[in-house]
Amino acid sequence: MDSDVFELSLEQEFQMRLIQESAQNMSREQMQDMLLQTSKLLMLKDNAIKNMMRKGMFTL
């Protein structure tokens, strides 16, 4: 498997830096809300990939 798959692009690294900076100004409650939203989005992404694989639209 290509090792680049597990690396962030330059744009993604920039986005991570922006998230880190904005997280410093968040309250605990805001961080918890962001964590829950992010977790839900990751689960939805997993479901979409699984669905596409089942339908033969996407292969690994």
PDB file of N, CA and C in Angstrom:
ATOM      1  N   MET A   1       0.851  -1.179   0.000  1.00  0.00           N
ATOM      2  CA  MET A   1       0.000   0.000   0.000  1.00  0.00           C
ATOM      3  C   MET A   1       0.894   1.238   0.000  1.00  0.00           C
ATOM      4  N   ASP A   2       0.464   2.235  -0.695  1.00  0.00           N
ATOM      5  CA  ASP A   2       1.220   3.483  -0.824  1.00  0.00           C
ATOM      6  C   ASP A   2       1.257   4.211   0.520  1.00  0.00           C
ATOM      7  N   SER A   3       2.464   4.544   1.001  1.00  0.00           N
ATOM      8  CA  SER A   3       2.590   5.200   2.309  1.00  0.00           C
ATOM      9  C   SER A   3       2.031   6.621   2.306  1.00  0.00           C
ATOM     10  N   ASP A   4       1.888   7.245   1.133  1.00  0.00           N
ATOM     11  CA  ASP A   4       1.320   8.599   1.046  1.00  0.00           C
ATOM     12  C   ASP A   4      -0.141   8.635   1.486  1.00  0.00           C
ATOM     13  N   VAL A   5      -0.809   7.478   1.459  1.00  0.00           N
ATOM     14  CA  VAL A   5      -2.208   7.402   1.845  1.00  0.00           C
ATOM     15  C   VAL A   5      -2.376   7.813   3.308  1.00  0.00           C
ATOM     16  N   PHE A   6      -1.356   7.561   4.117  1.00  0.00           N
ATOM     17  CA  PHE A   6      -1.444   7.832   5.546  1.00  0.00           C
ATOM     18  C   PHE A   6      -0.791   9.151   5.938  1.00  0.00           C
ATOM     19  N   GLU A   7      -0.532  10.002   4.979  1.00  0.00           N
ATOM     20  CA  GLU A   7       0.063  11.321   5.225  1.00  0.00           C
ATOM     21  C   GLU A   7      -0.964  12.392   4.873  1.00  0.00           C
ATOM     22  N   LEU A   8      -0.895  13.505   5.575  1.00  0.00           N
ATOM     23  CA  LEU A   8      -1.766  14.637   5.259  1.00  0.00           C
ATOM     24  C   LEU A   8      -1.144  15.456   4.145  1.00  0.00           C
ATOM     25  N   SER A   9      -1.997  15.990   3.291  1.00  0.00           N
ATOM     26  CA  SER A   9      -1.519  16.900   2.256  1.00  0.00           C
ATOM     27  C   SER A   9      -1.150  18.225   2.922  1.00  0.00           C
ATOM     28  N   LEU A  10      -0.469  19.071   2.193  1.00  0.00           N
ATOM     29  CA  LEU A  10      -0.096  20.384   2.723  1.00  0.00           C
ATOM     30  C   LEU A  10      -1.346  21.176   3.124  1.00  0.00           C
ATOM     31  N   GLU A  11      -2.377  21.098   2.306  1.00  0.00           N
ATOM     32  CA  GLU A  11      -3.626  21.798   2.607  1.00  0.00           C
ATOM     33  C   GLU A  11      -4.260  21.252   3.887  1.00  0.00           C
ATOM     34  N   GLN A  12      -4.230  19.916   4.060  1.00  0.00           N
ATOM     35  CA  GLN A  12      -4.789  19.310   5.262  1.00  0.00           C
ATOM     36  C   GLN A  12      -3.985  19.694   6.503  1.00  0.00           C
ATOM     37  N   GLU A  13      -2.682  19.779   6.371  1.00  0.00           N
ATOM     38  CA  GLU A  13      -1.844  20.213   7.487  1.00  0.00           C
ATOM     39  C   GLU A  13      -2.188  21.648   7.887  1.00  0.00           C
ATOM     40  N   PHE A  14      -2.434  22.488   6.902  1.00  0.00           N
ATOM     41  CA  PHE A  14      -2.837  23.874   7.167  1.00  0.00           C
ATOM     42  C   PHE A  14      -4.178  23.904   7.894  1.00  0.00           C
ATOM     43  N   GLN A  15      -5.121  23.075   7.430  1.00  0.00           N
ATOM     44  CA  GLN A  15      -6.428  23.006   8.079  1.00  0.00           C
ATOM     45  C   GLN A  15      -6.293  22.531   9.527  1.00  0.00           C
ATOM     46  N   MET A  16      -5.416  21.564   9.775  1.00  0.00           N
ATOM     47  CA  MET A  16      -5.182  21.073  11.133  1.00  0.00           C
ATOM     48  C   MET A  16      -4.650  22.197  12.020  1.00  0.00           C
ATOM     49  N   ARG A  17      -3.754  22.995  11.482  1.00  0.00           N
ATOM     50  CA  ARG A  17      -3.195  24.111  12.253  1.00  0.00           C
ATOM     51  C   ARG A  17      -4.294  25.119  12.614  1.00  0.00           C
ATOM     52  N   LEU A  18      -5.189  25.397  11.673  1.00  0.00           N
ATOM     53  CA  LEU A  18      -6.303  26.307  11.950  1.00  0.00           C
ATOM     54  C   LEU A  18      -7.214  25.744  13.040  1.00  0.00           C
ATOM     55  N   ILE A  19      -7.462  24.444  12.991  1.00  0.00           N
ATOM     56  CA  ILE A  19      -8.300  23.806  14.006  1.00  0.00           C
ATOM     57  C   ILE A  19      -7.624  23.878  15.371  1.00  0.00           C
ATOM     58  N   GLN A  20      -6.320  23.624  15.403  1.00  0.00           N
ATOM     59  CA  GLN A  20      -5.579  23.707  16.671  1.00  0.00           C
ATOM     60  C   GLN A  20      -5.666  25.107  17.266  1.00  0.00           C
ATOM     61  N   GLU A  21      -5.508  26.113  16.430  1.00  0.00           N
ATOM     62  CA  GLU A  21      -5.555  27.489  16.913  1.00  0.00           C
ATOM     63  C   GLU A  21      -6.950  27.852  17.414  1.00  0.00           C
ATOM     64  N   SER A  22      -7.983  27.431  16.693  1.00  0.00           N
ATOM     65  CA  SER A  22      -9.343  27.769  17.124  1.00  0.00           C
ATOM     66  C   SER A  22      -9.722  26.992  18.382  1.00  0.00           C
ATOM     67  N   ALA A  23      -9.178  25.782  18.549  1.00  0.00           N
ATOM     68  CA  ALA A  23      -9.484  24.978  19.735  1.00  0.00           C
ATOM     69  C   ALA A  23      -8.953  25.631  21.006  1.00  0.00           C
ATOM     70  N   GLN A  24      -7.888  26.392  20.890  1.00  0.00           N
ATOM     71  CA  GLN A  24      -7.321  27.054  22.066  1.00  0.00           C
ATOM     72  C   GLN A  24      -8.281  28.089  22.645  1.00  0.00           C
ATOM     73  N   ASN A  25      -9.183  28.582  21.824  1.00  0.00           N
ATOM     74  CA  ASN A  25     -10.129  29.612  22.269  1.00  0.00           C
ATOM     75  C   ASN A  25     -11.506  29.043  22.613  1.00  0.00           C
ATOM     76  N   MET A  26     -11.649  27.714  22.580  1.00  0.00           N
ATOM     77  CA  MET A  26     -12.944  27.094  22.848  1.00  0.00           C
ATOM     78  C   MET A  26     -13.096  26.732  24.319  1.00  0.00           C
ATOM     79  N   SER A  27     -14.335  26.776  24.758  1.00  0.00           N
ATOM     80  CA  SER A  27     -14.644  26.292  26.102  1.00  0.00           C
ATOM     81  C   SER A  27     -14.680  24.761  26.069  1.00  0.00           C
ATOM     82  N   ARG A  28     -14.700  24.162  27.226  1.00  0.00           N
ATOM     83  CA  ARG A  28     -14.779  22.696  27.318  1.00  0.00           C
ATOM     84  C   ARG A  28     -16.046  22.194  26.619  1.00  0.00           C
ATOM     85  N   GLU A  29     -17.159  22.886  26.829  1.00  0.00           N
ATOM     86  CA  GLU A  29     -18.426  22.491  26.219  1.00  0.00           C
ATOM     87  C   GLU A  29     -18.355  22.572  24.690  1.00  0.00           C
ATOM     88  N   GLN A  30     -17.744  23.628  24.171  1.00  0.00           N
ATOM     89  CA  GLN A  30     -17.593  23.768  22.717  1.00  0.00           C
ATOM     90  C   GLN A  30     -16.709  22.654  22.154  1.00  0.00           C
ATOM     91  N   MET A  31     -15.654  22.298  22.875  1.00  0.00           N
ATOM     92  CA  MET A  31     -14.763  21.223  22.417  1.00  0.00           C
ATOM     93  C   MET A  31     -15.489  19.880  22.407  1.00  0.00           C
ATOM     94  N   GLN A  32     -16.294  19.625  23.436  1.00  0.00           N
ATOM     95  CA  GLN A  32     -17.053  18.377  23.485  1.00  0.00           C
ATOM     96  C   GLN A  32     -18.037  18.304  22.319  1.00  0.00           C
ATOM     97  N   ASP A  33     -18.703  19.422  22.029  1.00  0.00           N
ATOM     98  CA  ASP A  33     -19.643  19.473  20.917  1.00  0.00           C
ATOM     99  C   ASP A  33     -18.926  19.223  19.594  1.00  0.00           C
ATOM    100  N   MET A  34     -17.764  19.832  19.423  1.00  0.00           N
ATOM    101  CA  MET A  34     -16.983  19.640  18.203  1.00  0.00           C
ATOM    102  C   MET A  34     -16.530  18.183  18.066  1.00  0.00           C
ATOM    103  N   LEU A  35     -16.119  17.576  19.175  1.00  0.00           N
ATOM    104  CA  LEU A  35     -15.711  16.172  19.161  1.00  0.00           C
ATOM    105  C   LEU A  35     -16.866  15.264  18.752  1.00  0.00           C
ATOM    106  N   LEU A  36     -18.047  15.517  19.300  1.00  0.00           N
ATOM    107  CA  LEU A  36     -19.217  14.708  18.942  1.00  0.00           C
ATOM    108  C   LEU A  36     -19.589  14.879  17.471  1.00  0.00           C
ATOM    109  N   GLN A  37     -19.569  16.112  16.981  1.00  0.00           N
ATOM    110  CA  GLN A  37     -19.878  16.367  15.570  1.00  0.00           C
ATOM    111  C   GLN A  37     -18.857  15.679  14.653  1.00  0.00           C
ATOM    112  N   THR A  38     -17.584  15.762  15.027  1.00  0.00           N
ATOM    113  CA  THR A  38     -16.522  15.149  14.230  1.00  0.00           C
ATOM    114  C   THR A  38     -16.667  13.634  14.222  1.00  0.00           C
ATOM    115  N   SER A  39     -16.963  13.059  15.380  1.00  0.00           N
ATOM    116  CA  SER A  39     -17.145  11.604  15.469  1.00  0.00           C
ATOM    117  C   SER A  39     -18.312  11.152  14.598  1.00  0.00           C
ATOM    118  N   LYS A  40     -19.410  11.908  14.629  1.00  0.00           N
ATOM    119  CA  LYS A  40     -20.573  11.562  13.804  1.00  0.00           C
ATOM    120  C   LYS A  40     -20.220  11.631  12.322  1.00  0.00           C
ATOM    121  N   LEU A  41     -19.498  12.679  11.915  1.00  0.00           N
ATOM    122  CA  LEU A  41     -19.108  12.807  10.508  1.00  0.00           C
ATOM    123  C   LEU A  41     -18.218  11.658  10.060  1.00  0.00           C
ATOM    124  N   LEU A  42     -17.294  11.226  10.924  1.00  0.00           N
ATOM    125  CA  LEU A  42     -16.430  10.089  10.589  1.00  0.00           C
ATOM    126  C   LEU A  42     -17.246   8.806  10.432  1.00  0.00           C
ATOM    127  N   MET A  43     -18.243   8.620  11.297  1.00  0.00           N
ATOM    128  CA  MET A  43     -19.108   7.441  11.196  1.00  0.00           C
ATOM    129  C   MET A  43     -19.925   7.475   9.908  1.00  0.00           C
ATOM    130  N   LEU A  44     -20.450   8.652   9.558  1.00  0.00           N
ATOM    131  CA  LEU A  44     -21.207   8.788   8.314  1.00  0.00           C
ATOM    132  C   LEU A  44     -20.317   8.514   7.100  1.00  0.00           C
ATOM    133  N   LYS A  45     -19.072   8.981   7.157  1.00  0.00           N
ATOM    134  CA  LYS A  45     -18.109   8.726   6.080  1.00  0.00           C
ATOM    135  C   LYS A  45     -17.855   7.227   5.948  1.00  0.00           C
ATOM    136  N   ASP A  46     -17.656   6.550   7.084  1.00  0.00           N
ATOM    137  CA  ASP A  46     -17.457   5.094   7.064  1.00  0.00           C
ATOM    138  C   ASP A  46     -18.653   4.389   6.438  1.00  0.00           C
ATOM    139  N   ASN A  47     -19.858   4.809   6.820  1.00  0.00           N
ATOM    140  CA  ASN A  47     -21.068   4.204   6.259  1.00  0.00           C
ATOM    141  C   ASN A  47     -21.155   4.421   4.756  1.00  0.00           C
ATOM    142  N   ALA A  48     -20.802   5.609   4.289  1.00  0.00           N
ATOM    143  CA  ALA A  48     -20.862   5.905   2.853  1.00  0.00           C
ATOM    144  C   ALA A  48     -19.864   5.029   2.091  1.00  0.00           C
ATOM    145  N   ILE A  49     -18.657   4.871   2.626  1.00  0.00           N
ATOM    146  CA  ILE A  49     -17.649   4.040   1.966  1.00  0.00           C
ATOM    147  C   ILE A  49     -18.095   2.587   1.935  1.00  0.00           C
ATOM    148  N   LYS A  50     -18.605   2.076   3.062  1.00  0.00           N
ATOM    149  CA  LYS A  50     -19.090   0.687   3.111  1.00  0.00           C
ATOM    150  C   LYS A  50     -20.211   0.475   2.107  1.00  0.00           C
ATOM    151  N   ASN A  51     -21.126   1.437   2.011  1.00  0.00           N
ATOM    152  CA  ASN A  51     -22.248   1.336   1.082  1.00  0.00           C
ATOM    153  C   ASN A  51     -21.751   1.309  -0.367  1.00  0.00           C
ATOM    154  N   MET A  52     -20.793   2.162  -0.689  1.00  0.00           N
ATOM    155  CA  MET A  52     -20.249   2.174  -2.050  1.00  0.00           C
ATOM    156  C   MET A  52     -19.524   0.877  -2.360  1.00  0.00           C
ATOM    157  N   MET A  53     -18.821   0.309  -1.381  1.00  0.00           N
ATOM    158  CA  MET A  53     -18.109  -0.950  -1.594  1.00  0.00           C
ATOM    159  C   MET A  53     -19.115  -2.083  -1.834  1.00  0.00           C
ATOM    160  N   ARG A  54     -20.203  -2.085  -1.068  1.00  0.00           N
ATOM    161  CA  ARG A  54     -21.230  -3.110  -1.248  1.00  0.00           C
ATOM    162  C   ARG A  54     -21.854  -3.046  -2.638  1.00  0.00           C
ATOM    163  N   LYS A  55     -22.013  -1.844  -3.138  1.00  0.00           N
ATOM    164  CA  LYS A  55     -22.629  -1.653  -4.452  1.00  0.00           C
ATOM    165  C   LYS A  55     -21.617  -1.779  -5.587  1.00  0.00           C
ATOM    166  N   GLY A  56     -20.350  -2.028  -5.246  1.00  0.00           N
ATOM    167  CA  GLY A  56     -19.325  -2.192  -6.266  1.00  0.00           C
ATOM    168  C   GLY A  56     -18.879  -0.892  -6.908  1.00  0.00           C
ATOM    169  N   MET A  57     -19.177   0.228  -6.269  1.00  0.00           N
ATOM    170  CA  MET A  57     -18.813   1.526  -6.818  1.00  0.00           C
ATOM    171  C   MET A  57     -17.402   1.937  -6.426  1.00  0.00           C
ATOM    172  N   PHE A  58     -16.829   1.199  -5.481  1.00  0.00           N
ATOM    173  CA  PHE A  58     -15.559   1.618  -4.906  1.00  0.00           C
ATOM    174  C   PHE A  58     -14.829   0.373  -4.430  1.00  0.00           C
ATOM    175  N   THR A  59     -13.567   0.227  -4.787  1.00  0.00           N
ATOM    176  CA  THR A  59     -12.776  -0.901  -4.306  1.00  0.00           C
ATOM    177  C   THR A  59     -11.483  -0.406  -3.702  1.00  0.00           C
ATOM    178  N   LEU A  60     -10.996  -1.125  -2.734  1.00  0.00           N
ATOM    179  CA  LEU A  60      -9.736  -0.754  -2.098  1.00  0.00           C
ATOM    180  C   LEU A  60      -8.570  -1.386  -2.770  1.00  0.00           C
TER     181      LEU A  60
END
